[in-house]
Amino acid sequence: MIGYICKYTPIEVFEAMGEEVRRIEPEAASFNQADTLMHPNICSFAKGLLEDVLEQHYDGIILTTCCDSIRRVYDVLREKLPDTFVYILDIPRITKDAGIGLYEKRIRRMIQEYEAYTGKQFKEERLLEVLREKRGIKGEEAPLSLRTDRLNVGILGARANESICRILEQHHVNVAFDLTCTGLKRKLLIEEDNLLPGYVRGLLTQFPCMRMEAAAGRDQLIQTYGGSVDGVIYHTVQFCDNYSYEYAWLKEGFQKPLLLLETDYTRQSYGQILTRVEAFLESLQQGETGSAGKRKKIRERRENDTMYVLGVDSGSTSTNAVIMDQDRKIRAFSVVRTGAKSGESAERILKEVLEKAGLKREDLTWIVSTGYGRVSIPYADENVTEISCHGRGAHYFNPKIRTILDIGGQDSKAIKLDERGEVTDFVMNDKCAAGTGRFLEAIARTLEIDISQVGPAALTSTEDIEITSMCTVFAESEVISLIANNKEKGDIANGICRAIANKAYSLMKRVGLEPDYMMTGGVAKNPGVVRAVEDKLQAGLYICPEPEIVGAVGAALYALDCCNLQADPEK
């Protein structure tokens, strides 16, 4: 088994020698070995790659000179796996004849070393057979592949994780192009009289990665491909700087919807990827209900009966439910702690909200779930991301809202809306609990006060204190030091609230600061944080009477849409 990571790798050469070749798709659970053997701030793909190779058994590893992180992986693997064929191909930056000739020489040198390592022999006629076979199966694959019966989404950036493509396929979305460094549609040129040079020419003239000389023309190529699709996902890897500059350029001038998706290439990042991709697809499908809604039929009700729907927002800290009638009036709502199992809290809140509304389970025509645990609610007919639901809920409470700040139990979001209440942009901070409800709970414990007292205490502050760290652990240590220096709890609480506001303000700036502003989520009940955010914005925040139920209200509105759509398909 030969493992490789780059689309410029001549994998057909190894297949011609009878080897099985597999692109390495790391999904590490942790970076324990990588953090020990390399610097912790090295690109997370490189760390995941190292973890994968050290855990799996490969007969050979073929790396390329993508960046310094991959060079470091090569150095470590050579030391740790002395009996394995570990090779790094130096890819020329130029793609003209000089670059093609240079890369051919380097590939021939690699072949010689592999022949010496294995005792096998490379034959060009066998390479020709492999290339013909692949061309026969795949044909001449165009970089752009569009479908008229599905949404068409393109993928750009660095090393798109396979889970992105799987999610798109599960949602019946066509991947029109994957122009990342792991894109699978490789150019296979066959020049029978000049086989290896022709093959190398095909490798080097693929859509250029950022290190290639031809990358100077990427902007034109991106506009050409991107102009044909409904939206583009731009993937970057944590601690990889090369592609962040290109995304910043694209965000300014690109005319199509664009989603920035940064992952750390761990198994744990799947939930983050799923929420972001689903929210993006929902924004591209404005006005449609989810696929689950199209598969099921709404429950029957008598002609003159009032229609009731339920929206459930299953968050990490609280589970919120709203029953709404056909006239978009809230008949009942409830908020309970999520606890250890989201499924149990969902059952508990269903019983509680039905009792408040004086209804039975069979009175509900449709149920939509959203939030962190939306897929764990067994009685939901459909699920929609919290991004879309917060947008709908905010517009319901105040149609003037254009920018939403949602701070929940373990993540924060900034959401941009248009005049119809549809999501036009969003960013999420869900890689750490800094500035969220969990963060405030930890600080409240350190201050030995209830979390509900943190905000009121901040309003009594008479001295400005700067909290320099937003990491929960470091911030707790900082608070302990301040307590030891006899600082007042109110001053410390105010410093915490201002630190949260600074982080929130940075998040909101990424989607654009457009009034009117609204804050949702449990932290919106904290008057200290609200005041601090308003000070940063130099503008007021609209806060509805129950900011925790905004997502559940949005879910209920989606449920009404589904019922109305099925009742009158012409709408």
Protein backbone atom coordinates (compact mmCIF):
# COMPACT_ATOMS: atom_id res chain seq x y z
CA MET A 1 0.00 0.00 0.00
CA ILE A 2 1.42 3.37 -1.07
CA GLY A 3 0.00 6.45 0.62
CA TYR A 4 0.06 9.90 -0.99
CA ILE A 5 -1.42 13.35 -0.30
CA CYS A 6 -1.13 15.55 -3.40
CA LYS A 7 -2.78 15.65 -6.84
CA TYR A 8 0.66 16.23 -8.41
CA THR A 9 1.83 12.80 -7.20
CA PRO A 10 2.47 10.35 -10.09
CA ILE A 11 0.33 7.59 -8.60
CA GLU A 12 -0.07 5.81 -11.96
CA VAL A 13 3.66 5.08 -11.93
CA PHE A 14 3.24 2.96 -8.79
CA GLU A 15 0.07 1.34 -10.15
CA ALA A 16 2.08 0.37 -13.22
CA MET A 17 4.44 -1.41 -10.84
CA GLY A 18 1.55 -3.40 -9.37
CA GLU A 19 1.15 -1.36 -6.18
CA GLU A 20 -2.11 -0.33 -4.54
CA VAL A 21 -2.24 3.43 -4.02
CA ARG A 22 -4.45 5.34 -1.58
CA ARG A 23 -4.78 9.03 -0.86
CA ILE A 24 -4.28 9.58 2.85
CA GLU A 25 -7.32 11.17 4.43
CA PRO A 26 -6.36 11.68 8.09
CA GLU A 27 -9.10 11.74 10.73
CA ALA A 28 -7.13 11.77 13.94
CA ALA A 29 -8.90 11.85 17.29
CA SER A 30 -5.96 13.71 18.84
CA PHE A 31 -2.52 15.03 17.96
CA ASN A 32 -0.65 13.48 20.88
CA GLN A 33 2.30 12.16 18.88
CA ALA A 34 2.40 15.07 16.44
CA ASP A 35 2.47 17.69 19.20
CA THR A 36 5.40 15.84 20.77
CA LEU A 37 7.36 15.33 17.56
CA MET A 38 6.56 18.66 15.87
CA HIS A 39 5.65 22.22 16.86
CA PRO A 40 2.01 22.46 18.08
CA ASN A 41 1.24 25.31 15.66
CA ILE A 42 2.12 23.30 12.57
CA CYS A 43 -0.77 22.91 10.11
CA SER A 44 -3.36 20.49 11.53
CA PHE A 45 -3.47 18.51 8.27
CA ALA A 46 0.24 17.80 8.66
CA LYS A 47 -0.30 16.72 12.26
CA GLY A 48 -3.20 14.49 11.28
CA LEU A 49 -1.11 13.04 8.46
CA LEU A 50 1.67 12.14 10.87
CA GLU A 51 -0.78 10.51 13.31
CA ASP A 52 -2.36 8.49 10.50
CA VAL A 53 0.92 7.21 9.06
CA LEU A 54 2.30 6.24 12.47
CA GLU A 55 -0.89 4.32 13.31
CA GLN A 56 -1.52 2.65 9.92
CA HIS A 57 0.74 0.32 7.96
CA TYR A 58 1.97 1.71 4.65
CA ASP A 59 4.67 0.13 2.51
CA GLY A 60 5.51 3.55 1.12
CA ILE A 61 4.68 7.21 1.68
CA ILE A 62 5.00 9.72 -1.17
CA LEU A 63 4.99 13.35 -0.04
CA THR A 64 5.47 16.53 -2.04
CA THR A 65 7.09 19.87 -1.26
CA CYS A 66 3.76 21.64 -0.62
CA CYS A 67 4.95 23.62 2.37
CA ASP A 68 7.32 23.61 5.34
CA SER A 69 4.82 21.59 7.43
CA ILE A 70 4.96 18.65 5.00
CA ARG A 71 8.75 18.89 4.89
CA ARG A 72 8.75 18.56 8.67
CA VAL A 73 6.48 15.50 8.47
CA TYR A 74 8.95 13.97 6.02
CA ASP A 75 11.85 14.52 8.42
CA VAL A 76 9.95 12.90 11.31
CA LEU A 77 8.78 9.92 9.24
CA ARG A 78 12.28 9.22 7.93
CA GLU A 79 13.46 9.05 11.52
CA LYS A 80 10.54 7.08 12.94
CA LEU A 81 10.03 4.65 10.01
CA PRO A 82 13.54 3.78 8.81
CA ASP A 83 12.35 0.58 7.10
CA THR A 84 9.50 2.23 5.16
CA PHE A 85 9.92 3.84 1.75
CA VAL A 86 9.34 7.51 2.62
CA TYR A 87 9.97 9.84 -0.30
CA ILE A 88 9.39 13.55 -0.91
CA LEU A 89 9.03 14.80 -4.48
CA ASP A 90 10.21 18.34 -5.11
CA ILE A 91 7.58 19.74 -7.49
CA PRO A 92 8.79 22.53 -9.80
CA ARG A 93 6.88 25.78 -9.47
CA ILE A 94 7.02 26.36 -13.22
CA THR A 95 4.82 24.42 -15.64
CA LYS A 96 6.58 25.29 -18.91
CA ASP A 97 8.87 22.84 -20.75
CA ALA A 98 11.75 23.46 -18.34
CA GLY A 99 9.55 22.53 -15.37
CA ILE A 100 8.19 19.47 -17.13
CA GLY A 101 11.69 18.24 -17.94
CA LEU A 102 12.86 18.86 -14.38
CA TYR A 103 9.89 17.04 -12.84
CA GLU A 104 10.34 14.09 -15.22
CA LYS A 105 13.95 13.71 -14.03
CA ARG A 106 12.85 13.80 -10.39
CA ILE A 107 10.15 11.21 -10.99
CA ARG A 108 12.64 8.93 -12.79
CA ARG A 109 14.98 9.28 -9.81
CA MET A 110 12.14 8.28 -7.47
CA ILE A 111 11.36 5.28 -9.69
CA GLN A 112 14.98 4.14 -9.50
CA GLU A 113 14.99 4.37 -5.71
CA TYR A 114 11.70 2.46 -5.48
CA GLU A 115 13.03 -0.24 -7.84
CA ALA A 116 16.07 -0.58 -5.60
CA TYR A 117 13.86 -0.71 -2.48
CA THR A 118 11.40 -3.34 -3.78
CA GLY A 119 13.26 -5.20 -6.51
CA LYS A 120 10.36 -4.47 -8.88
CA GLN A 121 10.86 -2.97 -12.34
CA PHE A 122 9.05 -0.03 -13.92
CA LYS A 123 7.98 -0.45 -17.55
CA GLU A 124 6.58 2.39 -19.61
CA GLU A 125 4.36 0.05 -21.65
CA ARG A 126 2.60 -0.95 -18.41
CA LEU A 127 2.14 2.74 -17.54
CA LEU A 128 0.52 3.21 -20.95
CA GLU A 129 -1.91 0.37 -20.16
CA VAL A 130 -2.81 1.95 -16.79
CA LEU A 131 -3.41 5.34 -18.39
CA ARG A 132 -5.53 3.86 -21.17
CA GLU A 133 -7.53 1.85 -18.65
CA LYS A 134 -8.20 4.93 -16.48
CA ARG A 135 -9.10 7.03 -19.49
CA GLY A 136 -11.46 4.27 -20.64
CA ILE A 137 -13.25 4.19 -17.27
CA LYS A 138 -13.35 7.90 -16.57
CA GLY A 139 -13.17 9.37 -20.05
CA GLU A 140 -12.01 12.94 -20.50
CA GLU A 141 -13.26 14.39 -17.23
CA ALA A 142 -13.88 18.11 -17.42
CA PRO A 143 -12.98 20.15 -14.32
CA LEU A 144 -16.53 21.56 -14.35
CA SER A 145 -19.52 19.19 -14.18
CA LEU A 146 -22.97 20.80 -13.88
CA ARG A 147 -26.41 19.29 -13.35
CA THR A 148 -29.78 20.93 -13.99
CA ASP A 149 -31.72 18.84 -11.48
CA ARG A 150 -29.62 19.70 -8.39
CA LEU A 151 -27.86 22.53 -6.66
CA ASN A 152 -24.35 22.91 -8.04
CA VAL A 153 -21.63 23.71 -5.49
CA GLY A 154 -17.91 24.10 -6.09
CA ILE A 155 -15.07 23.52 -3.63
CA LEU A 156 -11.96 25.71 -3.51
CA GLY A 157 -9.06 26.25 -1.14
CA ALA A 158 -6.84 23.67 0.52
CA ARG A 159 -7.27 19.92 1.03
CA ALA A 160 -11.06 19.55 1.17
CA ASN A 161 -11.98 16.85 3.66
CA GLU A 162 -13.89 13.93 2.14
CA SER A 163 -16.64 14.46 4.72
CA ILE A 164 -17.55 17.69 2.91
CA CYS A 165 -18.27 15.77 -0.29
CA ARG A 166 -20.18 13.09 1.65
CA ILE A 167 -22.42 15.71 3.25
CA LEU A 168 -23.10 17.32 -0.12
CA GLU A 169 -23.94 13.94 -1.66
CA GLN A 170 -26.29 13.08 1.23
CA HIS A 171 -28.13 16.34 0.58
CA HIS A 172 -28.36 15.59 -3.16
CA VAL A 173 -26.02 18.42 -4.10
CA ASN A 174 -23.78 18.12 -7.13
CA VAL A 175 -20.08 18.84 -6.58
CA ALA A 176 -19.50 20.79 -9.79
CA PHE A 177 -15.78 21.06 -9.19
CA ASP A 178 -13.18 20.30 -6.54
CA LEU A 179 -10.20 22.50 -7.31
CA THR A 180 -8.41 21.98 -4.01
CA CYS A 181 -5.08 20.20 -3.73
CA THR A 182 -6.94 16.93 -3.19
CA GLY A 183 -9.24 17.34 -6.20
CA LEU A 184 -9.78 13.95 -7.81
CA LYS A 185 -10.29 14.96 -11.45
CA ARG A 186 -6.70 14.66 -12.64
CA LYS A 187 -5.52 15.34 -16.17
CA LEU A 188 -4.20 12.14 -17.75
CA LEU A 189 -2.39 13.00 -20.97
CA ILE A 190 -1.28 10.15 -23.22
CA GLU A 191 1.46 10.89 -25.74
CA GLU A 192 2.47 7.40 -26.87
CA ASP A 193 5.69 8.51 -28.56
CA ASN A 194 6.65 10.66 -25.57
CA LEU A 195 4.85 8.87 -22.77
CA LEU A 196 6.44 9.99 -19.49
CA PRO A 197 6.98 13.65 -20.52
CA GLY A 198 3.36 13.82 -21.72
CA TYR A 199 2.14 12.26 -18.49
CA VAL A 200 4.18 14.76 -16.45
CA ARG A 201 2.78 17.62 -18.54
CA GLY A 202 -0.73 16.53 -17.56
CA LEU A 203 0.21 16.42 -13.87
CA LEU A 204 1.74 19.90 -13.83
CA THR A 205 -0.98 21.61 -15.87
CA GLN A 206 -3.81 20.77 -13.50
CA PHE A 207 -5.63 23.62 -11.74
CA PRO A 208 -2.66 25.25 -9.98
CA CYS A 209 -2.18 25.15 -6.24
CA MET A 210 -1.02 28.29 -4.43
CA ARG A 211 2.69 27.38 -4.61
CA MET A 212 2.75 27.15 -8.43
CA GLU A 213 3.85 29.96 -10.71
CA ALA A 214 0.56 29.62 -12.57
CA ALA A 215 -1.29 30.51 -9.36
CA ALA A 216 -1.09 34.11 -10.57
CA GLY A 217 -3.95 33.22 -12.89
CA ARG A 218 -6.07 31.48 -10.27
CA ASP A 219 -8.36 34.49 -9.85
CA GLN A 220 -9.46 34.36 -13.49
CA LEU A 221 -9.90 30.58 -13.37
CA ILE A 222 -11.91 30.83 -10.15
CA GLN A 223 -14.19 33.47 -11.64
CA THR A 224 -14.67 31.28 -14.72
CA TYR A 225 -15.57 28.13 -12.79
CA GLY A 226 -17.30 29.86 -9.87
CA GLY A 227 -19.57 31.91 -12.09
CA SER A 228 -21.34 28.72 -13.23
CA VAL A 229 -22.38 27.34 -9.82
CA ASP A 230 -24.93 28.23 -7.14
CA GLY A 231 -22.32 28.65 -4.41
CA VAL A 232 -18.74 27.89 -3.42
CA ILE A 233 -17.28 26.30 -0.30
CA TYR A 234 -13.79 27.60 0.44
CA HIS A 235 -11.93 25.17 2.68
CA THR A 236 -8.88 26.01 4.74
CA VAL A 237 -6.94 24.02 7.31
CA GLN A 238 -6.21 25.34 10.79
CA PHE A 239 -2.79 27.05 10.95
CA CYS A 240 -2.46 27.11 7.15
CA ASP A 241 -1.87 30.72 6.10
CA ASN A 242 -1.45 30.30 2.33
CA TYR A 243 -5.12 30.16 1.45
CA SER A 244 -6.52 32.71 3.92
CA TYR A 245 -5.26 35.55 1.71
CA GLU A 246 -7.05 34.18 -1.32
CA TYR A 247 -10.29 33.85 0.63
CA ALA A 248 -10.03 37.48 1.76
CA TRP A 249 -9.70 38.52 -1.90
CA LEU A 250 -12.62 36.31 -2.95
CA LYS A 251 -14.92 37.65 -0.25
CA GLU A 252 -14.44 41.17 -1.62
CA GLY A 253 -15.01 40.52 -5.31
CA PHE A 254 -16.72 37.14 -5.77
CA GLN A 255 -20.32 37.39 -6.96
CA LYS A 256 -21.58 34.00 -5.76
CA PRO A 257 -22.47 32.88 -2.19
CA LEU A 258 -19.26 31.84 -0.45
CA LEU A 259 -18.76 29.74 2.68
CA LEU A 260 -15.44 29.75 4.53
CA LEU A 261 -14.98 26.35 6.14
CA GLU A 262 -11.93 25.97 8.36
CA THR A 263 -11.36 22.52 9.83
CA ASP A 264 -8.67 20.96 11.99
CA TYR A 265 -8.89 17.58 10.19
CA THR A 266 -10.00 15.69 13.30
CA ARG A 267 -12.97 13.35 13.69
CA GLN A 268 -14.45 15.81 16.15
CA SER A 269 -14.69 18.50 13.45
CA TYR A 270 -17.47 16.62 11.63
CA GLY A 271 -20.23 18.31 13.65
CA GLN A 272 -18.79 21.74 12.85
CA ILE A 273 -18.57 20.87 9.16
CA LEU A 274 -22.13 19.50 9.10
CA THR A 275 -23.70 22.58 10.70
CA ARG A 276 -21.83 25.01 8.46
CA VAL A 277 -22.48 23.12 5.23
CA GLU A 278 -26.16 22.51 6.00
CA ALA A 279 -26.68 26.18 6.90
CA PHE A 280 -24.98 27.20 3.66
CA LEU A 281 -27.18 24.87 1.62
CA GLU A 282 -30.26 26.20 3.38
CA SER A 283 -29.26 29.74 2.44
CA LEU A 284 -28.95 28.61 -1.20
CA GLN A 285 -32.39 26.98 -1.04
CA GLN A 286 -34.26 29.90 0.53
CA GLY A 287 -37.99 29.29 0.50
CA GLU A 288 -37.71 25.50 0.34
CA THR A 289 -38.28 23.10 3.20
CA GLY A 290 -35.78 20.36 3.95
CA SER A 291 -35.68 17.06 2.15
CA ALA A 292 -37.26 15.30 5.15
CA GLY A 293 -40.29 17.54 4.74
CA LYS A 294 -40.62 16.48 1.13
CA ARG A 295 -40.40 12.79 1.97
CA LYS A 296 -43.08 12.75 4.66
CA LYS A 297 -46.69 13.83 4.51
CA ILE A 298 -48.06 16.16 7.17
CA ARG A 299 -50.40 14.67 9.73
CA GLU A 300 -54.10 14.87 8.97
CA ARG A 301 -56.34 17.31 10.86
CA ARG A 302 -60.06 18.07 10.70
CA GLU A 303 -61.02 20.89 8.34
CA ASN A 304 -61.98 23.46 11.00
CA ASP A 305 -59.31 22.53 13.53
CA THR A 306 -56.55 24.99 14.35
CA MET A 307 -53.18 23.89 13.05
CA TYR A 308 -50.37 23.70 15.61
CA VAL A 309 -46.68 23.16 14.94
CA LEU A 310 -43.72 22.67 17.24
CA GLY A 311 -40.18 24.04 16.99
CA VAL A 312 -37.52 22.49 19.23
CA ASP A 313 -34.05 23.99 19.68
CA SER A 314 -31.75 21.44 21.30
CA GLY A 315 -28.71 23.35 22.53
CA SER A 316 -25.73 22.25 24.56
CA THR A 317 -26.99 24.05 27.68
CA SER A 318 -30.76 24.43 27.25
CA THR A 319 -33.47 22.82 25.16
CA ASN A 320 -36.18 25.24 24.06
CA ALA A 321 -39.57 24.55 22.52
CA VAL A 322 -42.27 26.74 20.96
CA ILE A 323 -45.78 25.78 19.88
CA MET A 324 -47.15 28.08 17.18
CA ASP A 325 -50.55 28.14 15.53
CA GLN A 326 -51.47 28.65 11.88
CA ASP A 327 -51.66 32.43 12.41
CA ARG A 328 -48.00 32.53 13.54
CA LYS A 329 -48.98 33.19 17.15
CA ILE A 330 -46.92 31.60 19.93
CA ARG A 331 -49.29 29.48 22.03
CA ALA A 332 -46.71 28.19 24.50
CA PHE A 333 -42.98 27.94 25.03
CA SER A 334 -40.68 26.20 27.47
CA VAL A 335 -36.98 26.16 28.38
CA VAL A 336 -35.27 23.26 30.19
CA ARG A 337 -31.67 22.29 30.90
CA THR A 338 -30.34 19.89 28.27
CA GLY A 339 -28.46 17.71 30.74
CA ALA A 340 -26.34 14.72 29.82
CA LYS A 341 -28.63 13.41 27.04
CA SER A 342 -30.31 15.66 24.50
CA GLY A 343 -32.89 12.96 23.71
CA GLU A 344 -34.14 12.87 27.32
CA SER A 345 -34.43 16.66 27.58
CA ALA A 346 -36.32 16.66 24.26
CA GLU A 347 -38.89 14.20 25.64
CA ARG A 348 -39.17 16.24 28.83
CA ILE A 349 -39.75 19.52 27.03
CA LEU A 350 -42.32 18.00 24.68
CA LYS A 351 -44.45 16.95 27.64
CA GLU A 352 -43.97 20.30 29.37
CA VAL A 353 -44.81 22.54 26.41
CA LEU A 354 -47.87 20.45 25.48
CA GLU A 355 -49.18 20.83 29.03
CA LYS A 356 -48.67 24.61 28.89
CA ALA A 357 -50.56 24.81 25.58
CA GLY A 358 -53.29 22.44 26.73
CA LEU A 359 -52.67 20.18 23.75
CA LYS A 360 -51.93 16.54 23.02
CA ARG A 361 -49.14 15.08 20.91
CA GLU A 362 -51.57 14.24 18.09
CA ASP A 363 -52.63 17.92 17.89
CA LEU A 364 -49.24 18.83 16.41
CA THR A 365 -49.24 18.84 12.62
CA TRP A 366 -45.49 19.16 12.08
CA ILE A 367 -42.33 19.28 14.22
CA VAL A 368 -39.00 20.82 13.23
CA SER A 369 -35.86 20.46 15.33
CA THR A 370 -32.77 22.64 15.30
CA GLY A 371 -29.65 23.28 17.34
CA TYR A 372 -26.71 21.25 18.57
CA GLY A 373 -28.75 18.07 19.16
CA ARG A 374 -31.28 18.45 16.35
CA VAL A 375 -30.58 15.00 14.88
CA SER A 376 -31.11 13.35 18.29
CA ILE A 377 -34.79 14.31 18.61
CA PRO A 378 -36.69 11.17 17.56
CA TYR A 379 -40.13 12.75 17.17
CA ALA A 380 -39.01 15.56 14.82
CA ASP A 381 -40.29 15.35 11.25
CA GLU A 382 -37.48 17.49 9.90
CA ASN A 383 -34.36 19.27 11.12
CA VAL A 384 -32.94 22.66 10.11
CA THR A 385 -29.68 24.28 11.25
CA GLU A 386 -29.69 26.84 14.03
CA ILE A 387 -28.21 29.42 11.65
CA SER A 388 -31.31 29.46 9.46
CA CYS A 389 -33.68 29.18 12.42
CA HIS A 390 -32.13 32.11 14.28
CA GLY A 391 -32.44 34.18 11.14
CA ARG A 392 -36.15 33.35 10.77
CA GLY A 393 -36.79 33.82 14.47
CA ALA A 394 -35.03 37.19 14.62
CA HIS A 395 -37.00 38.47 11.61
CA TYR A 396 -40.22 37.30 13.28
CA PHE A 397 -39.54 39.36 16.41
CA ASN A 398 -38.13 42.41 14.59
CA PRO A 399 -38.09 42.68 10.75
CA LYS A 400 -35.58 45.55 10.95
CA ILE A 401 -32.80 43.26 12.22
CA ARG A 402 -29.86 42.85 9.85
CA THR A 403 -27.09 41.53 12.16
CA ILE A 404 -27.57 38.90 14.87
CA LEU A 405 -25.17 38.00 17.65
CA ASP A 406 -26.05 34.64 19.17
CA ILE A 407 -24.06 33.49 22.19
CA GLY A 408 -25.12 30.09 23.42
CA GLY A 409 -23.82 27.50 25.81
CA GLN A 410 -20.75 26.44 23.85
CA ASP A 411 -20.57 28.47 20.64
CA SER A 412 -21.07 31.97 19.27
CA LYS A 413 -22.46 33.03 15.91
CA ALA A 414 -22.78 36.23 13.92
CA ILE A 415 -25.50 36.11 11.26
CA LYS A 416 -26.25 38.61 8.52
CA LEU A 417 -29.84 38.96 7.23
CA ASP A 418 -31.38 40.71 4.25
CA GLU A 419 -34.66 42.63 4.31
CA ARG A 420 -36.63 39.38 3.91
CA GLY A 421 -34.96 37.81 6.93
CA GLU A 422 -32.93 35.38 4.84
CA VAL A 423 -29.36 34.53 5.85
CA THR A 424 -26.79 36.11 3.54
CA ASP A 425 -23.67 35.39 5.60
CA PHE A 426 -22.65 33.84 8.91
CA VAL A 427 -19.59 32.95 10.95
CA MET A 428 -19.31 30.61 13.91
CA ASN A 429 -16.87 30.22 16.76
CA ASP A 430 -17.36 26.67 17.99
CA LYS A 431 -13.80 25.44 18.39
CA CYS A 432 -13.60 26.62 21.98
CA ALA A 433 -15.96 27.75 24.73
CA ALA A 434 -14.34 31.16 25.18
CA GLY A 435 -16.97 33.87 25.59
CA THR A 436 -19.93 31.48 25.77
CA GLY A 437 -22.32 30.39 28.50
CA ARG A 438 -19.91 27.66 29.63
CA PHE A 439 -17.19 30.30 29.95
CA LEU A 440 -19.45 32.46 32.16
CA GLU A 441 -20.41 29.45 34.29
CA ALA A 442 -16.72 28.74 34.97
CA ILE A 443 -16.03 32.37 35.91
CA ALA A 444 -19.12 32.50 38.15
CA ARG A 445 -17.89 29.45 40.04
CA THR A 446 -14.51 31.10 40.53
CA LEU A 447 -16.19 34.30 41.81
CA GLU A 448 -18.45 32.13 44.04
CA ILE A 449 -21.64 33.70 42.71
CA ASP A 450 -24.55 32.35 40.67
CA ILE A 451 -24.23 32.84 36.93
CA SER A 452 -27.37 35.01 37.00
CA GLN A 453 -25.50 37.46 39.25
CA VAL A 454 -22.52 38.03 36.93
CA GLY A 455 -24.32 40.59 34.77
CA PRO A 456 -25.86 42.64 37.60
CA ALA A 457 -22.51 42.58 39.43
CA ALA A 458 -20.79 43.98 36.32
CA LEU A 459 -23.18 46.95 36.33
CA THR A 460 -21.88 47.98 39.77
CA SER A 461 -18.27 48.26 38.57
CA THR A 462 -16.28 51.38 39.40
CA GLU A 463 -12.85 50.28 38.09
CA ASP A 464 -11.95 49.10 34.60
CA ILE A 465 -10.10 45.78 34.66
CA GLU A 466 -8.69 44.16 31.53
CA ILE A 467 -8.96 40.39 31.22
CA THR A 468 -6.16 39.52 28.83
CA SER A 469 -7.03 35.87 28.07
CA MET A 470 -10.26 34.45 26.69
CA CYS A 471 -9.19 30.84 27.22
CA THR A 472 -11.46 29.51 29.98
CA VAL A 473 -8.59 27.93 31.92
CA PHE A 474 -6.28 30.95 31.66
CA ALA A 475 -9.10 33.40 32.38
CA GLU A 476 -9.97 31.48 35.55
CA SER A 477 -6.34 31.74 36.66
CA GLU A 478 -6.38 35.45 35.90
CA VAL A 479 -9.57 35.92 37.94
CA ILE A 480 -8.03 34.02 40.87
CA SER A 481 -5.04 36.40 40.76
CA LEU A 482 -7.36 39.41 40.73
CA ILE A 483 -9.27 38.05 43.74
CA ALA A 484 -5.95 37.57 45.54
CA ASN A 485 -5.22 41.26 44.86
CA ASN A 486 -8.50 42.22 46.58
CA LYS A 487 -10.23 43.39 43.40
CA GLU A 488 -13.99 43.78 43.69
CA LYS A 489 -16.19 41.06 42.20
CA GLY A 490 -18.17 43.65 40.26
CA ASP A 491 -15.02 45.01 38.63
CA ILE A 492 -13.84 41.51 37.73
CA ALA A 493 -17.27 40.61 36.33
CA ASN A 494 -17.25 43.78 34.23
CA GLY A 495 -13.79 42.91 32.89
CA ILE A 496 -15.10 39.48 31.88
CA CYS A 497 -18.15 41.02 30.16
CA ARG A 498 -15.96 43.44 28.24
CA ALA A 499 -13.65 40.62 27.15
CA ILE A 500 -16.67 38.69 25.83
CA ALA A 501 -17.87 41.82 24.03
CA ASN A 502 -14.49 42.27 22.34
CA LYS A 503 -14.61 38.71 21.03
CA ALA A 504 -18.24 39.10 19.93
CA TYR A 505 -17.48 42.37 18.16
CA SER A 506 -14.69 40.73 16.15
CA LEU A 507 -17.10 37.97 15.14
CA MET A 508 -19.75 40.47 14.03
CA LYS A 509 -17.24 42.50 12.02
CA ARG A 510 -16.54 39.42 9.91
CA VAL A 511 -20.10 39.44 8.53
CA GLY A 512 -20.35 43.24 8.43
CA LEU A 513 -21.72 45.66 11.01
CA GLU A 514 -25.12 46.61 9.66
CA PRO A 515 -27.87 47.87 11.99
CA ASP A 516 -30.31 47.02 13.41
CA TYR A 517 -28.60 44.63 15.81
CA MET A 518 -30.09 41.81 17.86
CA MET A 519 -28.62 39.51 20.49
CA THR A 520 -30.03 36.04 21.09
CA GLY A 521 -29.16 33.05 23.26
CA GLY A 522 -28.92 32.67 27.01
CA VAL A 523 -26.05 35.18 27.37
CA ALA A 524 -28.42 37.88 26.06
CA LYS A 525 -29.98 37.75 29.55
CA ASN A 526 -26.71 39.01 31.01
CA PRO A 527 -27.04 42.83 31.27
CA GLY A 528 -23.29 43.24 31.75
CA VAL A 529 -22.47 41.54 28.44
CA VAL A 530 -25.29 43.39 26.66
CA ARG A 531 -24.00 46.76 27.87
CA ALA A 532 -20.42 45.88 26.90
CA VAL A 533 -21.44 44.80 23.37
CA GLU A 534 -23.52 47.96 22.93
CA ASP A 535 -20.51 50.03 23.99
CA LYS A 536 -18.38 48.33 21.33
CA LEU A 537 -21.03 48.76 18.64
CA GLN A 538 -21.93 52.29 19.72
CA ALA A 539 -25.48 51.15 19.06
CA GLY A 540 -28.33 49.46 20.87
CA LEU A 541 -29.12 45.74 20.81
CA TYR A 542 -32.67 44.53 20.34
CA ILE A 543 -33.39 41.78 22.86
CA CYS A 544 -36.73 40.00 22.76
CA PRO A 545 -38.45 39.03 26.05
CA GLU A 546 -37.15 35.44 25.83
CA PRO A 547 -33.90 35.48 23.81
CA GLU A 548 -33.37 31.74 24.33
CA ILE A 549 -36.40 30.76 22.22
CA VAL A 550 -35.49 32.64 19.02
CA GLY A 551 -34.12 29.49 17.38
CA ALA A 552 -37.17 27.45 18.40
CA VAL A 553 -39.46 30.14 16.97
CA GLY A 554 -37.55 29.94 13.69
CA ALA A 555 -37.96 26.15 13.71
CA ALA A 556 -41.72 26.55 14.26
CA LEU A 557 -41.88 28.98 11.33
CA TYR A 558 -40.13 26.42 9.13
CA ALA A 559 -42.72 23.86 10.27
CA LEU A 560 -45.54 26.22 9.22
CA ASP A 561 -43.87 26.73 5.84
CA CYS A 562 -43.74 22.98 5.32
CA CYS A 563 -47.43 22.55 6.20
CA ASN A 564 -48.49 25.43 3.95
CA LEU A 565 -46.34 24.15 1.09
CA GLN A 566 -47.84 20.67 1.26
CA ALA A 567 -51.36 22.03 1.66
CA ASP A 568 -50.92 24.28 -1.40
CA PRO A 569 -48.05 23.11 -3.64
CA GLU A 570 -48.67 26.05 -5.99
CA LYS A 571 -47.42 28.55 -3.36
